[in-house]
């Protein structure tokens, strides 16, 4: 792929939507492009906004649904009804959801909530010294995954891989560890599998080295 096209992949890479082959090729590009490395870090705020939008979106909303002309009227009516039932506190919470749903972008990845409690795993690898925390929430389409990583051995491109009980693997999100920065970095991604279908999580380098593994058992 030409260099200009590779630069344009930075957003898709930071949000974890490139397929595994494209992610590998972009990671090779990152090793030689400080500009794209900086842009990947800058996408952290956008990723967090996607996470907030996803959490505010009801499970009944289809992932590809757009807001209809009467969406605001229906949501305001629901706010009024709930206020009469449970009081002022719930009004503020639902009103905040109205602002996000009407004012925010319609994101295919963001829609869909889950009813189960999130699964949170934390591990530190004694050899690499890398610390990671994974929080997985079930969605209609699979799972949303939040990854926090502390790695002082950067810069290096890495990715979070899930391994299913059936042996299949999927890259959830790709990211670049900053230069000698051991502060926690947060990334978001999505997986086609539900939490109970995932055997373990691995943070790997672009060359396939496992930096830390997290096992739900």
Protein backbone atom coordinates (compact mmCIF):
# COMPACT_ATOMS: atom_id res chain seq x y z
CA UNK A 1 0.00 0.00 0.00
CA UNK A 2 1.28 3.50 -0.85
CA UNK A 3 2.55 5.70 1.97
CA UNK A 4 -0.28 8.25 1.72
CA UNK A 5 -2.90 5.49 1.97
CA UNK A 6 -1.09 4.03 4.96
CA UNK A 7 -1.22 7.43 6.74
CA UNK A 8 -4.98 7.45 6.23
CA UNK A 9 -5.32 4.17 8.14
CA UNK A 10 -4.27 5.75 11.44
CA UNK A 11 -7.85 6.35 12.65
CA UNK A 12 -9.03 2.84 11.81
CA UNK A 13 -5.96 1.37 13.49
CA UNK A 14 -6.38 3.45 16.67
CA UNK A 15 -10.03 2.41 16.96
CA UNK A 16 -9.21 -1.28 16.39
CA UNK A 17 -11.30 -1.78 13.23
CA UNK A 18 -8.55 -2.90 10.83
CA UNK A 19 -8.42 -6.61 10.09
CA UNK A 20 -5.43 -8.52 11.42
CA UNK A 21 -3.42 -8.41 8.18
CA UNK A 22 -3.94 -4.67 7.73
CA UNK A 23 -3.08 -4.07 11.40
CA UNK A 24 0.22 -5.94 10.97
CA UNK A 25 1.12 -3.86 7.91
CA UNK A 26 0.22 -0.62 9.67
CA UNK A 27 2.34 -1.60 12.69
CA UNK A 28 5.33 -1.94 10.37
CA UNK A 29 4.56 1.56 9.10
CA UNK A 30 4.36 2.91 12.68
CA UNK A 31 7.91 1.81 13.38
CA UNK A 32 9.12 4.31 10.77
CA UNK A 33 6.51 7.09 11.08
CA UNK A 34 6.60 9.33 14.20
CA UNK A 35 3.70 11.36 12.82
CA UNK A 36 1.31 8.40 12.74
CA UNK A 37 2.56 7.23 16.15
CA UNK A 38 1.58 10.61 17.60
CA UNK A 39 -1.81 10.50 15.86
CA UNK A 40 -2.57 7.04 17.34
CA UNK A 41 -2.04 8.48 20.83
CA UNK A 42 -4.26 11.47 20.02
CA UNK A 43 -7.14 9.15 19.19
CA UNK A 44 -7.37 8.13 22.86
CA UNK A 45 -9.93 10.86 23.60
CA UNK A 46 -12.09 9.79 20.64
CA UNK A 47 -12.01 6.18 21.80
CA UNK A 48 -13.15 7.18 25.29
CA UNK A 49 -16.07 9.19 23.79
CA UNK A 50 -17.13 6.09 21.85
CA UNK A 51 -17.08 4.11 25.09
CA UNK A 52 -19.32 6.69 26.82
CA UNK A 53 -21.74 6.71 23.89
CA UNK A 54 -21.93 2.91 23.85
CA UNK A 55 -22.68 2.73 27.58
CA UNK A 56 -25.48 5.30 27.18
CA UNK A 57 -27.15 3.42 24.30
CA UNK A 58 -30.00 1.04 25.28
CA UNK A 59 -29.62 -2.64 24.38
CA UNK A 60 -32.81 -2.52 22.31
CA UNK A 61 -31.28 -0.06 19.83
CA UNK A 62 -30.13 -1.83 16.67
CA UNK A 63 -26.41 -1.30 15.95
CA UNK A 64 -27.17 0.25 12.54
CA UNK A 65 -30.18 2.31 13.58
CA UNK A 66 -30.26 6.07 13.02
CA UNK A 67 -32.30 8.61 15.02
CA UNK A 68 -35.82 9.03 13.63
CA UNK A 69 -37.69 12.36 13.44
CA UNK A 70 -39.68 11.64 16.62
CA UNK A 71 -36.80 10.26 18.69
CA UNK A 72 -36.45 13.35 20.87
CA UNK A 73 -40.20 13.56 21.55
CA UNK A 74 -40.33 9.90 22.60
CA UNK A 75 -37.29 10.23 24.85
CA UNK A 76 -38.63 13.37 26.51
CA UNK A 77 -41.95 11.63 27.13
CA UNK A 78 -40.08 8.75 28.74
CA UNK A 79 -38.17 11.20 30.94
CA UNK A 80 -41.41 12.74 32.14
CA UNK A 81 -43.00 9.36 32.89
CA UNK A 82 -39.98 8.12 34.82
CA UNK A 83 -39.78 11.35 36.78
CA UNK A 84 -43.28 10.78 38.07
CA UNK A 85 -42.38 7.21 39.08
CA UNK A 86 -38.97 7.48 40.65
CA UNK A 87 -38.20 11.16 41.19
CA UNK A 88 -35.64 13.72 40.23
CA UNK A 89 -32.46 11.60 40.35
CA UNK A 90 -33.52 9.33 37.50
CA UNK A 91 -34.62 12.35 35.46
CA UNK A 92 -31.08 13.67 35.40
CA UNK A 93 -29.68 10.30 34.34
CA UNK A 94 -32.14 9.81 31.47
CA UNK A 95 -31.76 13.45 30.35
CA UNK A 96 -28.03 12.87 30.03
CA UNK A 97 -28.72 9.85 27.86
CA UNK A 98 -30.98 12.01 25.65
CA UNK A 99 -28.15 14.46 25.06
CA UNK A 100 -25.75 11.69 24.04
CA UNK A 101 -28.25 9.83 21.85
CA UNK A 102 -29.47 12.92 19.95
CA UNK A 103 -26.29 14.99 19.83
CA UNK A 104 -23.68 12.27 19.38
CA UNK A 105 -22.76 10.41 16.19
CA UNK A 106 -24.51 7.21 15.26
CA UNK A 107 -21.76 4.62 15.62
CA UNK A 108 -22.27 1.04 14.49
CA UNK A 109 -19.74 -0.26 16.99
CA UNK A 110 -21.19 1.73 19.85
CA UNK A 111 -24.77 0.54 19.94
CA UNK A 112 -26.01 -2.31 22.08
CA UNK A 113 -25.90 -2.81 25.82
CA UNK A 114 -25.59 -5.88 27.97
CA UNK A 115 -27.38 -7.14 31.01
CA UNK A 116 -24.59 -9.15 32.65
CA UNK A 117 -22.00 -7.76 35.01
CA UNK A 118 -18.66 -6.84 33.39
CA UNK A 119 -15.82 -9.35 33.64
CA UNK A 120 -12.59 -7.71 34.86
CA UNK A 121 -9.18 -9.39 34.86
CA UNK A 122 -5.80 -8.02 35.95
CA UNK A 123 -2.33 -9.54 35.54
CA UNK A 124 1.36 -8.63 35.58
CA UNK A 125 3.86 -10.71 33.65
CA UNK A 126 6.93 -11.43 35.82
CA UNK A 127 9.25 -11.62 32.80
CA UNK A 128 8.20 -8.60 30.72
CA UNK A 129 6.97 -6.50 33.67
CA UNK A 130 3.90 -5.48 31.64
CA UNK A 131 0.70 -4.91 33.64
CA UNK A 132 -2.71 -5.18 31.99
CA UNK A 133 -6.36 -4.97 32.98
CA UNK A 134 -9.17 -6.15 30.71
CA UNK A 135 -12.84 -5.34 31.30
CA UNK A 136 -15.33 -7.19 29.09
CA UNK A 137 -19.06 -6.42 28.82
CA UNK A 138 -21.51 -8.58 26.86
CA UNK A 139 -23.36 -6.92 24.00
CA UNK A 140 -25.96 -8.12 21.50
CA UNK A 141 -23.26 -8.45 18.84
CA UNK A 142 -20.51 -9.91 21.09
CA UNK A 143 -18.44 -8.05 23.68
CA UNK A 144 -17.04 -4.59 24.24
CA UNK A 145 -13.52 -4.69 25.66
CA UNK A 146 -11.60 -2.05 27.60
CA UNK A 147 -7.85 -2.58 27.90
CA UNK A 148 -5.52 -0.74 30.26
CA UNK A 149 -1.77 -1.33 29.88
CA UNK A 150 1.36 -0.21 31.73
CA UNK A 151 4.48 -0.89 29.68
CA UNK A 152 7.69 1.05 30.25
CA UNK A 153 9.59 -0.64 27.41
CA UNK A 154 8.09 1.38 24.54
CA UNK A 155 7.84 2.57 21.93
CA UNK A 156 6.48 -0.56 20.28
CA UNK A 157 3.26 -1.47 18.45
CA UNK A 158 1.11 -4.02 20.26
CA UNK A 159 -2.31 -5.60 20.06
CA UNK A 160 -4.83 -7.32 22.31
CA UNK A 161 -5.81 -10.80 21.10
CA UNK A 162 -8.63 -12.96 22.46
CA UNK A 163 -8.43 -16.75 22.25
CA UNK A 164 -11.75 -18.58 22.26
CA UNK A 165 -12.48 -21.93 23.85
CA UNK A 166 -12.66 -23.26 20.28
CA UNK A 167 -9.05 -22.18 19.67
CA UNK A 168 -9.91 -19.29 17.35
CA UNK A 169 -8.14 -15.94 17.72
CA UNK A 170 -9.29 -12.37 17.11
CA UNK A 171 -7.43 -9.07 17.40
CA UNK A 172 -9.60 -6.79 19.54
CA UNK A 173 -7.55 -3.58 19.36
CA UNK A 174 -4.13 -2.42 18.22
CA UNK A 175 -2.10 0.35 19.82
CA UNK A 176 1.39 1.79 20.20
CA UNK A 177 3.11 1.91 23.59
CA UNK A 178 4.56 5.42 24.14
CA UNK A 179 8.29 5.98 24.51
CA UNK A 180 9.42 4.82 27.99
CA UNK A 181 6.11 5.77 29.60
CA UNK A 182 4.91 3.39 32.33
CA UNK A 183 1.68 5.27 32.98
CA UNK A 184 -1.54 3.35 32.19
CA UNK A 185 -2.90 3.69 28.66
CA UNK A 186 -6.53 2.89 27.88
CA UNK A 187 -7.81 1.40 24.61
CA UNK A 188 -11.26 0.23 23.52
CA UNK A 189 -12.24 -2.55 21.14
CA UNK A 190 -14.92 -5.04 20.25
CA UNK A 191 -15.02 -8.83 19.93
CA UNK A 192 -17.44 -11.11 18.12
CA UNK A 193 -17.42 -13.55 21.06
CA UNK A 194 -19.22 -13.20 24.38
CA UNK A 195 -17.26 -13.26 27.64
CA UNK A 196 -18.12 -16.90 28.42
CA UNK A 197 -16.72 -17.95 25.02
CA UNK A 198 -13.29 -16.40 25.68
CA UNK A 199 -10.59 -18.65 27.14
CA UNK A 200 -7.93 -15.98 27.66
CA UNK A 201 -6.61 -12.60 26.58
CA UNK A 202 -3.06 -11.86 25.42
CA UNK A 203 -1.23 -8.58 24.89
CA UNK A 204 1.25 -9.23 22.08
CA UNK A 205 3.87 -7.27 20.19
CA UNK A 206 3.64 -6.89 16.42
CA UNK A 207 6.16 -9.75 16.12
CA UNK A 208 3.91 -12.13 18.09
CA UNK A 209 5.70 -12.04 21.46
CA UNK A 210 3.24 -12.38 24.37
CA UNK A 211 3.86 -9.62 26.90
CA UNK A 212 1.13 -10.60 29.36
CA UNK A 213 -1.72 -13.15 29.39
CA UNK A 214 -4.97 -12.88 31.33
CA UNK A 215 -6.91 -16.07 32.07
CA UNK A 216 -10.52 -15.86 33.35
CA UNK A 217 -10.15 -19.20 35.21
